[in-house]
Amino acid sequence: MKTFAVLGATVLIASSASAQSAPQWTGFSVVRTLTTEGNTQYKIYGNWNASNIVMLNALGHGEDLAGLPAQFGTMNARHQDNFVDENENAIGSWNPNVNGLTTARNNDSFVTASGFSTVALNDTALDPSFEFPAGSTDRSFIPLAAGWFDATPGTVNPVLAGNQGGWDGQNAVGGYQMLLLQIVREGNDATNGMGKALFHLRTGFKVVGSTQALFGNGSYMIGVPAPGALALLGLAGAFGRRRR
């Protein structure tokens, strides 16, 4: 079974390379879904244009990289950390092997570096490392500069073919993808005022047969405009039409 580790300011691969991305990297795509329990789920995928890529790590979460807009907003990550039985009923406190069942898994926030993993139980072992601000007990936010990696010794972690479409202007057409994290917000964030949030992230990877670390830089966004903002946009459009 794959295991994972979250890091603070230190990362598995030194991040001294320039902010320019390797040509195999094509950016992030975000898939937004409302769960049957009424929460808002975001899956964030890394995307590549080559078939011979091995994922190494994700790093520098939230750090401002040259040429990218400033990070903004609040993650508001939701966690469903009780151990659950076969009927999805909570029966205990947080456990590193929780939430392997569908309902709990779909309503939990976690990071991963294991392909399209949806059932690897140890992903949830990272939940306690979400904290905002750093050192607090509020686990609604991945710490700034955090990183994570696939720590299975001697096992390559290939990027797989996939076509998870993007949302909110972030799209992936064909190519090769890997699920990097899932963020779930409480309730429907289109109506509860949580708003948009943008975060930077860097991927470390290599070409099969090579030992050279390559990097891909970018940002991903979650959230939708608040209803009031949408109403104001509509009014602005109406007044614009009247002036013409």
Protein backbone atom coordinates (compact mmCIF):
# COMPACT_ATOMS: atom_id res chain seq x y z
CA MET A 1 0.00 0.00 0.00
CA LYS A 2 1.23 3.47 -0.78
CA THR A 3 1.92 5.78 2.10
CA PHE A 4 2.28 9.53 2.10
CA ALA A 5 3.88 12.27 4.15
CA VAL A 6 3.18 15.97 4.49
CA LEU A 7 6.06 18.34 4.95
CA GLY A 8 6.32 21.92 6.12
CA ALA A 9 8.92 24.25 4.68
CA THR A 10 11.11 21.32 3.66
CA VAL A 11 10.34 19.28 0.58
CA LEU A 12 11.47 15.96 -0.81
CA ILE A 13 13.06 17.62 -3.84
CA ALA A 14 14.89 20.92 -3.47
CA SER A 15 12.90 23.70 -5.12
CA SER A 16 15.85 25.81 -6.25
CA ALA A 17 15.04 25.38 -9.95
CA SER A 18 13.57 28.35 -11.79
CA ALA A 19 9.82 28.97 -11.84
CA GLN A 20 9.70 28.03 -15.52
CA SER A 21 7.78 24.80 -16.09
CA ALA A 22 9.10 21.79 -18.00
CA PRO A 23 7.49 21.34 -21.46
CA GLN A 24 5.72 18.11 -20.40
CA TRP A 25 3.62 20.02 -17.86
CA THR A 26 0.30 21.56 -18.97
CA GLY A 27 -1.20 22.79 -15.70
CA PHE A 28 -4.04 21.96 -13.32
CA SER A 29 -7.68 21.14 -13.89
CA VAL A 30 -10.43 21.37 -11.28
CA VAL A 31 -13.58 19.25 -11.19
CA ARG A 32 -16.43 20.57 -9.02
CA THR A 33 -19.20 18.23 -7.79
CA LEU A 34 -22.03 18.51 -5.28
CA THR A 35 -22.09 15.34 -3.18
CA THR A 36 -25.34 13.56 -2.38
CA GLU A 37 -24.91 14.86 1.18
CA GLY A 38 -25.02 18.45 -0.10
CA ASN A 39 -21.34 19.35 0.23
CA THR A 40 -19.11 20.86 -2.47
CA GLN A 41 -16.27 18.63 -3.65
CA TYR A 42 -13.28 19.80 -5.69
CA LYS A 43 -10.82 17.35 -7.26
CA ILE A 44 -7.56 18.98 -8.42
CA TYR A 45 -5.65 17.13 -11.14
CA GLY A 46 -2.15 17.70 -12.48
CA ASN A 47 -1.91 17.43 -16.28
CA TRP A 48 0.89 16.39 -18.60
CA ASN A 49 1.22 15.96 -22.37
CA ALA A 50 3.48 12.88 -22.32
CA SER A 51 2.96 9.22 -21.47
CA ASN A 52 6.32 8.46 -19.87
CA ILE A 53 6.06 10.61 -16.75
CA VAL A 54 6.66 9.47 -13.17
CA MET A 55 5.20 11.62 -10.39
CA LEU A 56 7.59 12.48 -7.56
CA ASN A 57 5.89 15.05 -5.36
CA ALA A 58 3.75 18.14 -4.96
CA LEU A 59 5.36 21.00 -3.11
CA GLY A 60 5.31 24.65 -2.12
CA HIS A 61 1.55 24.80 -1.64
CA GLY A 62 0.35 28.40 -1.62
CA GLU A 63 3.77 29.95 -2.24
CA ASP A 64 3.81 32.91 -4.62
CA LEU A 65 5.81 32.03 -7.74
CA ALA A 66 7.23 34.56 -10.19
CA GLY A 67 4.68 35.66 -12.76
CA LEU A 68 1.66 34.19 -10.96
CA PRO A 69 -1.11 36.19 -9.25
CA ALA A 70 -1.12 36.49 -5.48
CA GLN A 71 -2.88 33.75 -3.55
CA PHE A 72 -6.26 34.77 -2.15
CA GLY A 73 -9.29 33.43 -0.34
CA THR A 74 -9.84 30.76 2.30
CA MET A 75 -9.84 27.04 1.61
CA ASN A 76 -12.51 26.09 4.18
CA ALA A 77 -11.63 22.40 3.85
CA ARG A 78 -14.08 19.99 5.47
CA HIS A 79 -12.93 16.78 7.20
CA GLN A 80 -14.92 13.67 7.96
CA ASP A 81 -12.46 12.00 10.24
CA ASN A 82 -14.43 9.55 12.36
CA PHE A 83 -13.91 5.88 11.71
CA VAL A 84 -17.02 4.60 9.92
CA ASP A 85 -18.67 1.19 9.83
CA GLU A 86 -20.04 -0.60 6.78
CA ASN A 87 -23.15 1.61 6.91
CA GLU A 88 -21.08 4.82 6.98
CA ASN A 89 -21.95 5.48 10.63
CA ALA A 90 -19.27 7.22 12.71
CA ILE A 91 -18.05 4.88 15.44
CA GLY A 92 -14.83 6.43 16.72
CA SER A 93 -12.29 9.25 16.60
CA TRP A 94 -9.76 10.04 13.87
CA ASN A 95 -7.78 7.08 12.57
CA PRO A 96 -5.17 6.98 9.76
CA ASN A 97 -7.14 4.26 7.97
CA VAL A 98 -10.58 5.92 7.96
CA ASN A 99 -12.98 6.91 5.23
CA GLY A 100 -12.37 4.15 2.72
CA LEU A 101 -16.11 3.87 2.14
CA THR A 102 -17.80 5.91 -0.56
CA THR A 103 -19.90 8.42 1.36
CA ALA A 104 -17.24 9.32 3.90
CA ARG A 105 -14.55 9.44 1.21
CA ASN A 106 -16.58 11.78 -1.00
CA ASN A 107 -17.07 14.23 1.86
CA ASP A 108 -13.50 14.31 3.14
CA SER A 109 -10.55 16.55 2.25
CA PHE A 110 -7.18 14.91 1.62
CA VAL A 111 -4.00 15.10 -0.44
CA THR A 112 -2.62 12.27 -2.54
CA ALA A 113 -0.02 11.44 -5.16
CA SER A 114 -1.30 8.12 -6.33
CA GLY A 115 -2.97 8.33 -9.71
CA PHE A 116 -6.75 8.29 -9.64
CA SER A 117 -6.79 6.91 -6.11
CA THR A 118 -10.21 6.98 -4.49
CA VAL A 119 -9.88 4.12 -2.00
CA ALA A 120 -6.26 4.15 -0.77
CA LEU A 121 -6.94 4.44 2.95
CA ASN A 122 -3.65 6.02 3.97
CA ASP A 123 -4.38 9.21 2.04
CA THR A 124 -6.46 10.27 5.03
CA ALA A 125 -3.45 10.01 7.32
CA LEU A 126 -2.56 13.51 6.12
CA ASP A 127 -5.72 15.11 7.44
CA PRO A 128 -4.18 16.25 10.76
CA SER A 129 -1.55 18.21 8.82
CA PHE A 130 -4.16 20.66 7.49
CA GLU A 131 -3.97 23.68 9.81
CA PHE A 132 -4.73 27.39 9.52
CA PRO A 133 -2.98 29.32 10.84
CA ALA A 134 0.04 27.06 11.23
CA GLY A 135 0.13 25.47 14.66
CA SER A 136 -3.60 25.91 15.30
CA THR A 137 -6.27 23.26 15.67
CA ASP A 138 -8.25 24.64 12.71
CA ARG A 139 -7.58 22.08 9.96
CA SER A 140 -9.47 23.87 7.17
CA PHE A 141 -6.34 24.82 5.21
CA ILE A 142 -3.22 23.16 3.81
CA PRO A 143 -0.27 25.01 5.41
CA LEU A 144 1.69 27.41 3.23
CA ALA A 145 4.81 25.81 1.69
CA ALA A 146 3.51 22.30 2.49
CA GLY A 147 4.44 19.41 0.21
CA TRP A 148 3.59 15.74 -0.10
CA PHE A 149 4.93 12.74 -1.98
CA ASP A 150 4.50 9.07 -2.75
CA ALA A 151 6.76 7.38 -0.21
CA THR A 152 6.56 3.78 -1.39
CA PRO A 153 10.24 2.73 -1.64
CA GLY A 154 11.32 1.43 -5.03
CA THR A 155 7.90 1.77 -6.65
CA VAL A 156 7.45 4.16 -9.58
CA ASN A 157 4.30 6.26 -9.63
CA PRO A 158 3.36 6.68 -13.32
CA VAL A 159 1.05 9.42 -14.55
CA LEU A 160 -1.93 7.78 -16.27
CA ALA A 161 -3.97 8.65 -19.34
CA GLY A 162 -7.12 10.53 -18.41
CA ASN A 163 -9.65 13.14 -19.40
CA GLN A 164 -11.12 14.71 -16.29
CA GLY A 165 -12.65 17.91 -17.62
CA GLY A 166 -11.96 21.18 -15.92
CA TRP A 167 -14.36 23.67 -14.34
CA ASP A 168 -14.33 27.46 -13.99
CA GLY A 169 -12.09 27.96 -17.01
CA GLN A 170 -9.60 25.27 -16.04
CA ASN A 171 -9.77 22.50 -18.64
CA ALA A 172 -7.89 19.39 -19.60
CA VAL A 173 -8.49 17.82 -22.99
CA GLY A 174 -7.04 14.33 -23.19
CA GLY A 175 -3.45 13.92 -22.11
CA TYR A 176 -2.20 12.38 -18.88
CA GLN A 177 -3.38 13.18 -15.39
CA MET A 178 -2.95 12.49 -11.71
CA LEU A 179 -5.23 13.34 -8.81
CA LEU A 180 -3.26 15.52 -6.39
CA LEU A 181 -5.82 16.57 -3.81
CA GLN A 182 -9.50 16.72 -2.93
CA ILE A 183 -11.05 19.64 -1.08
CA VAL A 184 -14.58 19.42 0.26
CA ARG A 185 -16.44 22.47 1.58
CA GLU A 186 -19.41 22.29 3.92
CA GLY A 187 -22.67 22.77 2.01
CA ASN A 188 -23.10 24.34 -1.41
CA ASP A 189 -20.42 27.03 -1.75
CA ALA A 190 -22.37 28.66 -4.58
CA THR A 191 -24.94 29.85 -2.05
CA ASN A 192 -23.30 29.89 1.39
CA GLY A 193 -20.88 32.75 0.80
CA MET A 194 -17.55 30.89 1.05
CA GLY A 195 -16.39 32.55 -2.16
CA LYS A 196 -13.43 31.88 -4.43
CA ALA A 197 -9.94 30.91 -3.34
CA LEU A 198 -6.76 30.51 -5.40
CA PHE A 199 -3.65 28.55 -4.43
CA HIS A 200 -0.29 27.93 -6.05
CA LEU A 201 1.21 24.46 -6.29
CA ARG A 202 4.31 22.96 -7.83
CA THR A 203 4.74 19.41 -9.12
CA GLY A 204 7.98 17.43 -9.19
CA PHE A 205 8.27 14.64 -11.77
CA LYS A 206 10.71 12.87 -14.06
CA VAL A 207 10.79 11.06 -17.39
CA VAL A 208 10.93 7.26 -17.20
CA GLY A 209 14.57 6.10 -17.22
CA SER A 210 15.88 9.51 -16.14
CA THR A 211 17.06 10.74 -12.76
CA GLN A 212 16.59 14.43 -13.55
CA ALA A 213 13.85 16.15 -11.55
CA LEU A 214 11.51 18.33 -13.62
CA PHE A 215 8.95 20.82 -12.33
CA GLY A 216 5.55 22.14 -13.25
CA ASN A 217 4.20 25.36 -11.74
CA GLY A 218 0.70 26.73 -11.66
CA SER A 219 -2.38 27.70 -9.70
CA TYR A 220 -5.80 26.20 -9.10
CA MET A 221 -9.02 27.90 -8.05
CA ILE A 222 -12.00 26.71 -6.06
CA GLY A 223 -15.30 28.44 -5.32
CA VAL A 224 -17.87 30.49 -7.19
CA PRO A 225 -18.85 34.18 -6.95
CA ALA A 226 -21.24 34.99 -4.12
CA PRO A 227 -24.89 35.45 -5.19
CA GLY A 228 -24.69 39.18 -4.43
CA ALA A 229 -21.69 39.54 -6.72
CA LEU A 230 -23.57 37.76 -9.50
CA ALA A 231 -26.53 40.12 -9.02
CA LEU A 232 -24.24 43.14 -9.25
CA LEU A 233 -22.71 41.79 -12.43
CA GLY A 234 -26.19 41.40 -13.88
CA LEU A 235 -27.08 44.98 -12.98
CA ALA A 236 -23.86 46.24 -14.50
CA GLY A 237 -24.70 44.45 -17.72
CA ALA A 238 -28.21 45.90 -17.77
CA PHE A 239 -26.99 49.45 -17.29
CA GLY A 240 -24.35 48.87 -19.96
CA ARG A 241 -27.02 47.85 -22.44
CA ARG A 242 -29.15 50.92 -21.60
CA ARG A 243 -26.29 53.28 -22.37
CA ARG A 244 -25.78 51.89 -25.85
